[in-house]
Amino acid sequence: MRKVIFVGSAPFSGSTLLAMIVGNDARGFTCGEAQNFLLPTKKFHPTLVCGCGDRECGLWQQLRKSGPEKLYETVFRTYPQTDFIVDSSKNPFWIHAQSKFLKKIGIETRNILIWKSPLEIAHSFQKRGRYQQWERSWVNYHRLYFSIIRDWRAIRYKDLASDNGKLGEVCKYLEIPYFPKKDHYWEKIHHVIGGNYSAKIHLHHEGSPDFAYAIKQDRSLTGENIRAKLRTIYYEPVNDPVLSVQVDQRVRNSKHIQPLTGLLEVYDLNQEAISGREWPTVGFSPLSVGLRKIKQKVKVILGTFRYGSWRRGRIPVRSSLQIKG
């Protein structure tokens, strides 16, 4: 049965990496952050290029013409050997709406969330000059995800990157094949759009335009550290005493961080299947979710007007915004 796998995560948590690893299969397809390209809210979204490295690749222009509602059906039709698609758009509203639509047309869905600890995510934001944003971003994303998405499981980035056995558990949960070297996602051509450059850089050889572009876009990348780690999956512990003290202080002062971390650990793939338990109260209130949905809708409408398809006579906003409950 054909299925779509949605990868959720807060920014800089490894969703692009996980999506390409999961999609590394002759019968898999990784589309990346499709929502940003199809429903742009920022100026650079419509200019995103396909990760296959072929500057003449017209796939995403074709998918843009099809619109969000036909995204997955168009991929299945274009690549008839595909059994599953991996979407790392991350936005819980997009995941929720597309899942409801896919259910109506008989396509199965799965949800998996990849996450980093508070110290790890603070370090990732710090490398990009955005340290002050990590707590709000991490907390708000997970609270919204837990408020909207059901039937999901979690995998910690550290475990995925440092324990090959974890990948087997991921594949088992997603009900897709696992095989040796499945994590070698750079051995396949991926038509991935958007996503983290430090993960996508492994798709291209050093000296290629895409390799140079990736280094230019992500200030945490340098030629030397990439050359040493190119086409490897690795995890580096955070060794920054000052940062550790700062993050510990924030954790102690926050009423959300510890409960959210605890929930992520409970829903880890290591744990037994979760069923029949009361839904945790760490999410947003229904009113807050509704207000956030309205804000998202306004962003999409404005973004579509400024950067999207209105100028081409199409308004592709329906599938990501019509959420009834």
C-alpha atoms as a PDB file:
ATOM      1  CA  MET A   1       0.000   0.000   0.000  1.00  0.00           C
ATOM      2  CA  ARG A   2       1.303   3.442  -0.899  1.00  0.00           C
ATOM      3  CA  LYS A   3       2.037   5.772   1.996  1.00  0.00           C
ATOM      4  CA  VAL A   4       3.350   9.203   2.875  1.00  0.00           C
ATOM      5  CA  ILE A   5       5.723   9.570   5.819  1.00  0.00           C
ATOM      6  CA  PHE A   6       5.782  12.945   7.541  1.00  0.00           C
ATOM      7  CA  VAL A   7       8.966  13.905   9.392  1.00  0.00           C
ATOM      8  CA  GLY A   8       8.434  16.532  12.076  1.00  0.00           C
ATOM      9  CA  SER A   9      11.063  18.503  13.974  1.00  0.00           C
ATOM     10  CA  ALA A  10      11.931  21.888  15.379  1.00  0.00           C
ATOM     11  CA  PRO A  11      14.450  23.815  13.220  1.00  0.00           C
ATOM     12  CA  PHE A  12      17.976  22.364  12.999  1.00  0.00           C
ATOM     13  CA  SER A  13      16.986  19.040  14.578  1.00  0.00           C
ATOM     14  CA  GLY A  14      17.835  16.650  11.743  1.00  0.00           C
ATOM     15  CA  SER A  15      14.613  16.317   9.744  1.00  0.00           C
ATOM     16  CA  THR A  16      16.356  16.701   6.367  1.00  0.00           C
ATOM     17  CA  LEU A  17      18.909  14.054   7.310  1.00  0.00           C
ATOM     18  CA  LEU A  18      16.274  11.609   8.561  1.00  0.00           C
ATOM     19  CA  ALA A  19      14.026  12.186   5.549  1.00  0.00           C
ATOM     20  CA  MET A  20      16.783  11.428   3.040  1.00  0.00           C
ATOM     21  CA  ILE A  21      17.897   8.341   4.986  1.00  0.00           C
ATOM     22  CA  VAL A  22      14.325   7.023   5.151  1.00  0.00           C
ATOM     23  CA  GLY A  23      13.810   7.793   1.456  1.00  0.00           C
ATOM     24  CA  ASN A  24      17.030   6.028   0.466  1.00  0.00           C
ATOM     25  CA  ASP A  25      15.248   3.128  -1.174  1.00  0.00           C
ATOM     26  CA  ALA A  26      14.543   2.156  -4.769  1.00  0.00           C
ATOM     27  CA  ARG A  27      10.850   2.475  -3.924  1.00  0.00           C
ATOM     28  CA  GLY A  28      11.154   5.640  -1.838  1.00  0.00           C
ATOM     29  CA  PHE A  29      11.006   9.329  -2.728  1.00  0.00           C
ATOM     30  CA  THR A  30      12.113  12.224  -0.509  1.00  0.00           C
ATOM     31  CA  CYS A  31      10.400  15.490  -1.381  1.00  0.00           C
ATOM     32  CA  GLY A  32      11.892  17.606   1.416  1.00  0.00           C
ATOM     33  CA  GLU A  33      10.152  20.782   2.579  1.00  0.00           C
ATOM     34  CA  ALA A  34       7.503  20.792  -0.135  1.00  0.00           C
ATOM     35  CA  GLN A  35       5.229  23.228   1.643  1.00  0.00           C
ATOM     36  CA  ASN A  36       7.753  26.065   1.506  1.00  0.00           C
ATOM     37  CA  PHE A  37       8.102  25.753  -2.259  1.00  0.00           C
ATOM     38  CA  LEU A  38       4.416  25.247  -3.062  1.00  0.00           C
ATOM     39  CA  LEU A  39       3.049  27.759  -0.531  1.00  0.00           C
ATOM     40  CA  PRO A  40       5.899  30.274  -0.114  1.00  0.00           C
ATOM     41  CA  THR A  41       5.879  32.602   2.874  1.00  0.00           C
ATOM     42  CA  LYS A  42       9.414  33.967   2.430  1.00  0.00           C
ATOM     43  CA  LYS A  43      11.093  35.572  -0.548  1.00  0.00           C
ATOM     44  CA  PHE A  44      13.611  32.779  -1.067  1.00  0.00           C
ATOM     45  CA  HIS A  45      11.062  29.932  -0.971  1.00  0.00           C
ATOM     46  CA  PRO A  46      10.115  30.072  -4.692  1.00  0.00           C
ATOM     47  CA  THR A  47      13.816  30.084  -5.642  1.00  0.00           C
ATOM     48  CA  LEU A  48      14.652  26.791  -3.936  1.00  0.00           C
ATOM     49  CA  VAL A  49      16.341  24.337  -6.283  1.00  0.00           C
ATOM     50  CA  CYS A  50      16.035  20.576  -6.597  1.00  0.00           C
ATOM     51  CA  GLY A  51      18.620  18.615  -4.636  1.00  0.00           C
ATOM     52  CA  CYS A  52      19.318  16.296  -7.560  1.00  0.00           C
ATOM     53  CA  GLY A  53      21.960  18.767  -8.781  1.00  0.00           C
ATOM     54  CA  ASP A  54      20.528  18.995 -12.292  1.00  0.00           C
ATOM     55  CA  ARG A  55      19.886  22.664 -13.005  1.00  0.00           C
ATOM     56  CA  GLU A  56      17.584  21.630 -15.852  1.00  0.00           C
ATOM     57  CA  CYS A  57      15.397  19.434 -13.630  1.00  0.00           C
ATOM     58  CA  GLY A  58      11.805  20.559 -14.085  1.00  0.00           C
ATOM     59  CA  LEU A  59      10.172  18.256 -11.562  1.00  0.00           C
ATOM     60  CA  TRP A  60       9.343  20.909  -8.991  1.00  0.00           C
ATOM     61  CA  GLN A  61       7.911  23.250 -11.582  1.00  0.00           C
ATOM     62  CA  GLN A  62       5.650  20.384 -12.599  1.00  0.00           C
ATOM     63  CA  LEU A  63       4.690  19.758  -8.969  1.00  0.00           C
ATOM     64  CA  ARG A  64       4.024  23.452  -8.443  1.00  0.00           C
ATOM     65  CA  LYS A  65       1.574  23.428 -11.345  1.00  0.00           C
ATOM     66  CA  SER A  66      -0.175  20.401  -9.846  1.00  0.00           C
ATOM     67  CA  GLY A  67      -0.624  22.222  -6.531  1.00  0.00           C
ATOM     68  CA  PRO A  68      -0.482  20.978  -2.938  1.00  0.00           C
ATOM     69  CA  GLU A  69      -3.542  18.721  -3.215  1.00  0.00           C
ATOM     70  CA  LYS A  70      -2.027  16.747  -6.085  1.00  0.00           C
ATOM     71  CA  LEU A  71       1.566  16.728  -4.802  1.00  0.00           C
ATOM     72  CA  TYR A  72       1.810  13.109  -3.717  1.00  0.00           C
ATOM     73  CA  GLU A  73      -0.407  11.725  -6.470  1.00  0.00           C
ATOM     74  CA  THR A  74       1.755  13.500  -9.055  1.00  0.00           C
ATOM     75  CA  VAL A  75       4.923  12.023  -7.538  1.00  0.00           C
ATOM     76  CA  PHE A  76       3.424   8.516  -7.528  1.00  0.00           C
ATOM     77  CA  ARG A  77       2.331   8.970 -11.147  1.00  0.00           C
ATOM     78  CA  THR A  78       5.667  10.423 -12.274  1.00  0.00           C
ATOM     79  CA  TYR A  79       7.667   7.712 -10.496  1.00  0.00           C
ATOM     80  CA  PRO A  80       5.422   4.616 -10.676  1.00  0.00           C
ATOM     81  CA  GLN A  81       7.981   2.482  -8.853  1.00  0.00           C
ATOM     82  CA  THR A  82       7.519   4.592  -5.726  1.00  0.00           C
ATOM     83  CA  ASP A  83       5.753   2.972  -2.772  1.00  0.00           C
ATOM     84  CA  PHE A  84       6.343   5.683  -0.188  1.00  0.00           C
ATOM     85  CA  ILE A  85       7.054   9.415  -0.107  1.00  0.00           C
ATOM     86  CA  VAL A  86       8.868  11.219   2.707  1.00  0.00           C
ATOM     87  CA  ASP A  87       7.786  14.796   3.406  1.00  0.00           C
ATOM     88  CA  SER A  88       9.858  16.854   5.863  1.00  0.00           C
ATOM     89  CA  SER A  89       7.835  20.061   5.590  1.00  0.00           C
ATOM     90  CA  LYS A  90       7.570  19.922   9.426  1.00  0.00           C
ATOM     91  CA  ASN A  91       4.684  22.401   9.797  1.00  0.00           C
ATOM     92  CA  PRO A  92       2.082  20.622  11.992  1.00  0.00           C
ATOM     93  CA  PHE A  93      -0.792  22.359  10.187  1.00  0.00           C
ATOM     94  CA  TRP A  94       0.478  21.080   6.843  1.00  0.00           C
ATOM     95  CA  ILE A  95       0.978  17.566   8.226  1.00  0.00           C
ATOM     96  CA  HIS A  96      -2.489  17.500   9.761  1.00  0.00           C
ATOM     97  CA  ALA A  97      -4.294  18.807   6.673  1.00  0.00           C
ATOM     98  CA  GLN A  98      -2.423  16.640   4.181  1.00  0.00           C
ATOM     99  CA  SER A  99      -2.939  13.552   6.358  1.00  0.00           C
ATOM    100  CA  LYS A 100      -6.706  14.124   6.381  1.00  0.00           C
ATOM    101  CA  PHE A 101      -6.729  14.575   2.615  1.00  0.00           C
ATOM    102  CA  LEU A 102      -4.608  11.466   2.029  1.00  0.00           C
ATOM    103  CA  LYS A 103      -6.875   9.383   4.255  1.00  0.00           C
ATOM    104  CA  LYS A 104      -9.852  10.356   2.096  1.00  0.00           C
ATOM    105  CA  ILE A 105      -8.150   9.080  -1.062  1.00  0.00           C
ATOM    106  CA  GLY A 106      -6.907   5.874   0.547  1.00  0.00           C
ATOM    107  CA  ILE A 107      -3.212   6.662   1.028  1.00  0.00           C
ATOM    108  CA  GLU A 108      -1.690   5.622   4.367  1.00  0.00           C
ATOM    109  CA  THR A 109       0.332   8.077   6.471  1.00  0.00           C
ATOM    110  CA  ARG A 110       2.949   7.779   9.214  1.00  0.00           C
ATOM    111  CA  ASN A 111       4.401  10.403  11.562  1.00  0.00           C
ATOM    112  CA  ILE A 112       7.858  10.422  13.056  1.00  0.00           C
ATOM    113  CA  LEU A 113       9.464  13.256  15.013  1.00  0.00           C
ATOM    114  CA  ILE A 114      13.220  13.753  15.315  1.00  0.00           C
ATOM    115  CA  TRP A 115      14.479  15.922  18.169  1.00  0.00           C
ATOM    116  CA  LYS A 116      17.501  17.277  19.973  1.00  0.00           C
ATOM    117  CA  SER A 117      17.966  17.912  23.687  1.00  0.00           C
ATOM    118  CA  PRO A 118      17.837  21.526  24.902  1.00  0.00           C
ATOM    119  CA  LEU A 119      21.640  21.722  25.024  1.00  0.00           C
ATOM    120  CA  GLU A 120      22.010  20.193  21.559  1.00  0.00           C
ATOM    121  CA  ILE A 121      19.434  22.471  19.974  1.00  0.00           C
ATOM    122  CA  ALA A 122      20.887  25.546  21.688  1.00  0.00           C
ATOM    123  CA  HIS A 123      24.270  24.623  20.215  1.00  0.00           C
ATOM    124  CA  SER A 124      22.755  24.228  16.740  1.00  0.00           C
ATOM    125  CA  PHE A 125      21.154  27.668  16.955  1.00  0.00           C
ATOM    126  CA  GLN A 126      24.347  29.170  18.373  1.00  0.00           C
ATOM    127  CA  LYS A 127      26.394  27.924  15.398  1.00  0.00           C
ATOM    128  CA  ARG A 128      24.073  29.866  13.129  1.00  0.00           C
ATOM    129  CA  GLY A 129      24.173  33.058  15.175  1.00  0.00           C
ATOM    130  CA  ARG A 130      20.622  32.557  16.468  1.00  0.00           C
ATOM    131  CA  TYR A 131      21.176  31.478  20.067  1.00  0.00           C
ATOM    132  CA  GLN A 132      18.501  33.754  21.544  1.00  0.00           C
ATOM    133  CA  GLN A 133      15.817  32.035  19.467  1.00  0.00           C
ATOM    134  CA  TRP A 134      16.368  28.413  20.429  1.00  0.00           C
ATOM    135  CA  GLU A 135      14.110  28.145  23.488  1.00  0.00           C
ATOM    136  CA  ARG A 136      11.035  29.789  22.010  1.00  0.00           C
ATOM    137  CA  SER A 137      11.432  27.928  18.720  1.00  0.00           C
ATOM    138  CA  TRP A 138      11.950  24.509  20.333  1.00  0.00           C
ATOM    139  CA  VAL A 139       9.181  24.901  22.916  1.00  0.00           C
ATOM    140  CA  ASN A 140       6.564  26.363  20.584  1.00  0.00           C
ATOM    141  CA  TYR A 141       7.152  23.825  17.850  1.00  0.00           C
ATOM    142  CA  HIS A 142       6.759  20.816  20.117  1.00  0.00           C
ATOM    143  CA  ARG A 143       3.760  22.250  21.935  1.00  0.00           C
ATOM    144  CA  LEU A 144       2.001  22.840  18.611  1.00  0.00           C
ATOM    145  CA  TYR A 145       2.969  19.427  17.259  1.00  0.00           C
ATOM    146  CA  PHE A 146       1.640  17.685  20.378  1.00  0.00           C
ATOM    147  CA  SER A 147      -1.567  19.729  20.135  1.00  0.00           C
ATOM    148  CA  ILE A 148      -2.360  18.670  16.576  1.00  0.00           C
ATOM    149  CA  ILE A 149      -0.624  15.441  15.568  1.00  0.00           C
ATOM    150  CA  ARG A 150      -1.712  12.005  16.745  1.00  0.00           C
ATOM    151  CA  ASP A 151      -0.153   8.569  16.275  1.00  0.00           C
ATOM    152  CA  TRP A 152       3.486   9.586  16.202  1.00  0.00           C
ATOM    153  CA  ARG A 153       6.753   8.295  17.586  1.00  0.00           C
ATOM    154  CA  ALA A 154      10.046  10.040  18.293  1.00  0.00           C
ATOM    155  CA  ILE A 155      13.710   9.426  17.550  1.00  0.00           C
ATOM    156  CA  ARG A 156      16.494  11.484  19.077  1.00  0.00           C
ATOM    157  CA  TYR A 157      19.060  12.852  16.641  1.00  0.00           C
ATOM    158  CA  LYS A 158      21.888  11.616  18.836  1.00  0.00           C
ATOM    159  CA  ASP A 159      20.566   8.052  18.722  1.00  0.00           C
ATOM    160  CA  LEU A 160      20.010   8.103  14.957  1.00  0.00           C
ATOM    161  CA  ALA A 161      23.498   9.439  14.259  1.00  0.00           C
ATOM    162  CA  SER A 162      25.417   7.234  16.687  1.00  0.00           C
ATOM    163  CA  ASP A 163      23.493   3.944  16.762  1.00  0.00           C
ATOM    164  CA  ASN A 164      22.844   2.003  13.551  1.00  0.00           C
ATOM    165  CA  GLY A 165      20.349  -0.181  15.363  1.00  0.00           C
ATOM    166  CA  LYS A 166      18.062   2.808  15.757  1.00  0.00           C
ATOM    167  CA  LEU A 167      17.615   3.099  12.018  1.00  0.00           C
ATOM    168  CA  GLY A 168      16.299  -0.448  11.938  1.00  0.00           C
ATOM    169  CA  GLU A 169      13.734   0.509  14.585  1.00  0.00           C
ATOM    170  CA  VAL A 170      12.716   3.544  12.535  1.00  0.00           C
ATOM    171  CA  CYS A 171      12.153   1.395   9.455  1.00  0.00           C
ATOM    172  CA  LYS A 172      10.205  -1.168  11.462  1.00  0.00           C
ATOM    173  CA  TYR A 173       7.870   1.494  12.828  1.00  0.00           C
ATOM    174  CA  LEU A 174       7.400   3.057   9.386  1.00  0.00           C
ATOM    175  CA  GLU A 175       6.927  -0.409   7.844  1.00  0.00           C
ATOM    176  CA  ILE A 176       9.524   0.099   5.127  1.00  0.00           C
ATOM    177  CA  PRO A 177      12.518  -2.083   4.215  1.00  0.00           C
ATOM    178  CA  TYR A 178      15.774  -1.817   6.119  1.00  0.00           C
ATOM    179  CA  PHE A 179      19.037  -2.911   4.518  1.00  0.00           C
ATOM    180  CA  PRO A 180      22.771  -2.452   5.153  1.00  0.00           C
ATOM    181  CA  LYS A 181      24.018   1.022   4.210  1.00  0.00           C
ATOM    182  CA  LYS A 182      20.525   2.466   4.136  1.00  0.00           C
ATOM    183  CA  ASP A 183      22.017   5.475   5.912  1.00  0.00           C
ATOM    184  CA  HIS A 184      24.251   6.120   2.864  1.00  0.00           C
ATOM    185  CA  TYR A 185      21.615   8.404   1.395  1.00  0.00           C
ATOM    186  CA  TRP A 186      24.173  10.172  -0.835  1.00  0.00           C
ATOM    187  CA  GLU A 187      24.308   7.057  -3.018  1.00  0.00           C
ATOM    188  CA  LYS A 188      20.874   7.933  -4.415  1.00  0.00           C
ATOM    189  CA  ILE A 189      19.726  10.936  -6.443  1.00  0.00           C
ATOM    190  CA  HIS A 190      17.210  12.827  -4.294  1.00  0.00           C
ATOM    191  CA  HIS A 191      14.754  15.354  -5.710  1.00  0.00           C
ATOM    192  CA  VAL A 192      14.617  17.022  -2.322  1.00  0.00           C
ATOM    193  CA  ILE A 193      13.556  20.663  -2.083  1.00  0.00           C
ATOM    194  CA  GLY A 194      14.698  22.978   0.713  1.00  0.00           C
ATOM    195  CA  GLY A 195      15.983  21.611   3.991  1.00  0.00           C
ATOM    196  CA  ASN A 196      19.232  21.851   5.896  1.00  0.00           C
ATOM    197  CA  TYR A 197      22.334  22.511   3.810  1.00  0.00           C
ATOM    198  CA  SER A 198      24.663  20.637   6.147  1.00  0.00           C
ATOM    199  CA  ALA A 199      22.715  17.445   5.358  1.00  0.00           C
ATOM    200  CA  LYS A 200      22.272  18.112   1.639  1.00  0.00           C
ATOM    201  CA  ILE A 201      25.923  18.951   1.109  1.00  0.00           C
ATOM    202  CA  HIS A 202      26.700  15.213   1.139  1.00  0.00           C
ATOM    203  CA  LEU A 203      24.704  14.786  -2.072  1.00  0.00           C
ATOM    204  CA  HIS A 204      27.250  16.692  -4.160  1.00  0.00           C
ATOM    205  CA  HIS A 205      30.924  16.319  -4.899  1.00  0.00           C
ATOM    206  CA  GLU A 206      33.397  18.884  -3.696  1.00  0.00           C
ATOM    207  CA  GLY A 207      33.868  21.583  -6.278  1.00  0.00           C
ATOM    208  CA  SER A 208      30.347  21.330  -7.669  1.00  0.00           C
ATOM    209  CA  PRO A 209      28.170  24.478  -7.751  1.00  0.00           C
ATOM    210  CA  ASP A 210      25.777  22.916  -5.231  1.00  0.00           C
ATOM    211  CA  PHE A 211      28.622  22.101  -2.841  1.00  0.00           C
ATOM    212  CA  ALA A 212      29.859  25.690  -2.948  1.00  0.00           C
ATOM    213  CA  TYR A 213      26.314  27.014  -2.616  1.00  0.00           C
ATOM    214  CA  ALA A 214      25.702  24.914   0.493  1.00  0.00           C
ATOM    215  CA  ILE A 215      28.825  26.250   2.219  1.00  0.00           C
ATOM    216  CA  LYS A 216      27.845  29.801   1.300  1.00  0.00           C
ATOM    217  CA  GLN A 217      24.327  29.421   2.725  1.00  0.00           C
ATOM    218  CA  ASP A 218      25.230  27.791   6.049  1.00  0.00           C
ATOM    219  CA  ARG A 219      27.781  29.753   8.072  1.00  0.00           C
ATOM    220  CA  SER A 220      28.447  26.742  10.327  1.00  0.00           C
ATOM    221  CA  LEU A 221      30.059  24.907   7.392  1.00  0.00           C
ATOM    222  CA  THR A 222      33.667  25.333   6.362  1.00  0.00           C
ATOM    223  CA  GLY A 223      35.698  23.559   3.749  1.00  0.00           C
ATOM    224  CA  GLU A 224      37.941  21.812   6.263  1.00  0.00           C
ATOM    225  CA  ASN A 225      35.310  20.383   8.603  1.00  0.00           C
ATOM    226  CA  ILE A 226      33.186  19.215   5.694  1.00  0.00           C
ATOM    227  CA  ARG A 227      36.103  17.486   3.961  1.00  0.00           C
ATOM    228  CA  ALA A 228      36.765  15.451   7.122  1.00  0.00           C
ATOM    229  CA  LYS A 229      33.121  14.428   7.535  1.00  0.00           C
ATOM    230  CA  LEU A 230      31.845  14.339   3.967  1.00  0.00           C
ATOM    231  CA  ARG A 231      29.483  11.418   3.399  1.00  0.00           C
ATOM    232  CA  THR A 232      29.503  10.173   6.959  1.00  0.00           C
ATOM    233  CA  ILE A 233      26.814  10.120   9.657  1.00  0.00           C
ATOM    234  CA  TYR A 234      28.220  11.366  12.941  1.00  0.00           C
ATOM    235  CA  TYR A 235      27.314  12.849  16.298  1.00  0.00           C
ATOM    236  CA  GLU A 236      29.514  15.256  18.232  1.00  0.00           C
ATOM    237  CA  PRO A 237      28.701  15.871  21.918  1.00  0.00           C
ATOM    238  CA  VAL A 238      28.397  19.503  22.914  1.00  0.00           C
ATOM    239  CA  ASN A 239      31.560  20.450  24.801  1.00  0.00           C
ATOM    240  CA  ASP A 240      30.889  24.023  25.841  1.00  0.00           C
ATOM    241  CA  PRO A 241      30.771  24.606  29.629  1.00  0.00           C
ATOM    242  CA  VAL A 242      29.502  28.168  29.283  1.00  0.00           C
ATOM    243  CA  LEU A 243      26.673  27.121  27.003  1.00  0.00           C
ATOM    244  CA  SER A 244      25.808  24.226  29.313  1.00  0.00           C
ATOM    245  CA  VAL A 245      25.410  26.592  32.272  1.00  0.00           C
ATOM    246  CA  GLN A 246      23.274  28.969  30.236  1.00  0.00           C
ATOM    247  CA  VAL A 247      20.984  26.197  28.989  1.00  0.00           C
ATOM    248  CA  ASP A 248      20.660  24.617  32.447  1.00  0.00           C
ATOM    249  CA  GLN A 249      19.499  27.967  33.774  1.00  0.00           C
ATOM    250  CA  ARG A 250      16.894  28.273  31.043  1.00  0.00           C
ATOM    251  CA  VAL A 251      15.657  24.753  31.665  1.00  0.00           C
ATOM    252  CA  ARG A 252      15.225  25.455  35.385  1.00  0.00           C
ATOM    253  CA  ASN A 253      13.353  28.682  34.675  1.00  0.00           C
ATOM    254  CA  SER A 254      11.038  27.194  32.061  1.00  0.00           C
ATOM    255  CA  LYS A 255       7.756  25.487  32.923  1.00  0.00           C
ATOM    256  CA  HIS A 256       7.642  23.764  29.533  1.00  0.00           C
ATOM    257  CA  ILE A 257      11.087  22.380  28.672  1.00  0.00           C
ATOM    258  CA  GLN A 258      11.256  19.492  31.143  1.00  0.00           C
ATOM    259  CA  PRO A 259       7.682  18.245  30.524  1.00  0.00           C
ATOM    260  CA  LEU A 260       8.276  18.387  26.756  1.00  0.00           C
ATOM    261  CA  THR A 261      11.568  16.519  27.046  1.00  0.00           C
ATOM    262  CA  GLY A 262       9.874  13.904  29.215  1.00  0.00           C
ATOM    263  CA  LEU A 263       7.124  13.405  26.660  1.00  0.00           C
ATOM    264  CA  LEU A 264       9.624  13.030  23.831  1.00  0.00           C
ATOM    265  CA  GLU A 265      11.415  10.345  25.819  1.00  0.00           C
ATOM    266  CA  VAL A 266       8.150   8.518  26.547  1.00  0.00           C
ATOM    267  CA  TYR A 267       7.249   8.455  22.855  1.00  0.00           C
ATOM    268  CA  ASP A 268      10.697   7.257  21.816  1.00  0.00           C
ATOM    269  CA  LEU A 269      10.797   4.231  19.535  1.00  0.00           C
ATOM    270  CA  ASN A 270      12.561   2.375  22.345  1.00  0.00           C
ATOM    271  CA  GLN A 271       9.402   2.425  24.406  1.00  0.00           C
ATOM    272  CA  GLU A 272       6.524  -0.001  24.055  1.00  0.00           C
ATOM    273  CA  ALA A 273       3.691   0.954  21.718  1.00  0.00           C
ATOM    274  CA  ILE A 274       1.560   3.690  23.229  1.00  0.00           C
ATOM    275  CA  SER A 275      -2.205   3.259  23.221  1.00  0.00           C
ATOM    276  CA  GLY A 276      -5.159   4.080  25.419  1.00  0.00           C
ATOM    277  CA  ARG A 277      -3.383   6.739  27.453  1.00  0.00           C
ATOM    278  CA  GLU A 278      -4.712  10.205  28.128  1.00  0.00           C
ATOM    279  CA  TRP A 279      -3.237  12.802  25.797  1.00  0.00           C
ATOM    280  CA  PRO A 280      -0.661  14.919  27.675  1.00  0.00           C
ATOM    281  CA  THR A 281      -1.516  18.503  28.571  1.00  0.00           C
ATOM    282  CA  VAL A 282       1.736  20.068  27.386  1.00  0.00           C
ATOM    283  CA  GLY A 283       0.243  21.446  24.179  1.00  0.00           C
ATOM    284  CA  PHE A 284      -1.516  24.705  23.423  1.00  0.00           C
ATOM    285  CA  SER A 285      -5.142  25.394  24.277  1.00  0.00           C
ATOM    286  CA  PRO A 286      -7.692  25.028  21.446  1.00  0.00           C
ATOM    287  CA  LEU A 287      -8.008  28.819  21.345  1.00  0.00           C
ATOM    288  CA  SER A 288      -4.262  29.264  20.972  1.00  0.00           C
ATOM    289  CA  VAL A 289      -4.132  26.606  18.242  1.00  0.00           C
ATOM    290  CA  GLY A 290      -6.955  28.381  16.420  1.00  0.00           C
ATOM    291  CA  LEU A 291      -5.177  31.718  16.585  1.00  0.00           C
ATOM    292  CA  ARG A 292      -1.977  30.159  15.308  1.00  0.00           C
ATOM    293  CA  LYS A 293      -3.903  28.584  12.445  1.00  0.00           C
ATOM    294  CA  ILE A 294      -5.296  31.983  11.484  1.00  0.00           C
ATOM    295  CA  LYS A 295      -1.808  33.496  11.637  1.00  0.00           C
ATOM    296  CA  GLN A 296      -0.500  30.699   9.416  1.00  0.00           C
ATOM    297  CA  LYS A 297      -3.339  31.248   6.951  1.00  0.00           C
ATOM    298  CA  VAL A 298      -2.576  34.964   6.722  1.00  0.00           C
ATOM    299  CA  LYS A 299       1.128  34.227   6.159  1.00  0.00           C
ATOM    300  CA  VAL A 300       0.302  31.852   3.324  1.00  0.00           C
ATOM    301  CA  ILE A 301      -2.134  34.248   1.667  1.00  0.00           C
ATOM    302  CA  LEU A 302       0.342  37.133   1.862  1.00  0.00           C
ATOM    303  CA  GLY A 303       3.213  34.914   0.765  1.00  0.00           C
ATOM    304  CA  THR A 304       1.251  33.535  -2.165  1.00  0.00           C
ATOM    305  CA  PHE A 305       0.355  37.070  -3.227  1.00  0.00           C
ATOM    306  CA  ARG A 306       3.948  38.283  -2.983  1.00  0.00           C
ATOM    307  CA  TYR A 307       5.928  35.284  -4.145  1.00  0.00           C
ATOM    308  CA  GLY A 308       3.544  32.573  -5.279  1.00  0.00           C
ATOM    309  CA  SER A 309       1.019  31.543  -7.848  1.00  0.00           C
ATOM    310  CA  TRP A 310      -1.528  34.364  -7.914  1.00  0.00           C
ATOM    311  CA  ARG A 311       0.500  35.985 -10.653  1.00  0.00           C
ATOM    312  CA  ARG A 312       0.129  32.757 -12.636  1.00  0.00           C
ATOM    313  CA  GLY A 313      -3.620  32.621 -12.034  1.00  0.00           C
ATOM    314  CA  ARG A 314      -3.672  29.892  -9.374  1.00  0.00           C
ATOM    315  CA  ILE A 315      -4.304  30.116  -5.629  1.00  0.00           C
ATOM    316  CA  PRO A 316      -2.936  26.882  -4.097  1.00  0.00           C
ATOM    317  CA  VAL A 317      -3.787  27.508  -0.443  1.00  0.00           C
ATOM    318  CA  ARG A 318      -6.683  25.164   0.273  1.00  0.00           C
ATOM    319  CA  SER A 319      -5.104  21.896   1.315  1.00  0.00           C
ATOM    320  CA  SER A 320      -2.824  23.304   4.007  1.00  0.00           C
ATOM    321  CA  LEU A 321      -5.379  25.573   5.606  1.00  0.00           C
ATOM    322  CA  GLN A 322      -8.791  23.904   5.648  1.00  0.00           C
ATOM    323  CA  ILE A 323      -8.430  22.221   9.001  1.00  0.00           C
ATOM    324  CA  LYS A 324     -11.683  21.311  10.711  1.00  0.00           C
ATOM    325  CA  GLY A 325     -10.705  20.178  14.181  1.00  0.00           C
END
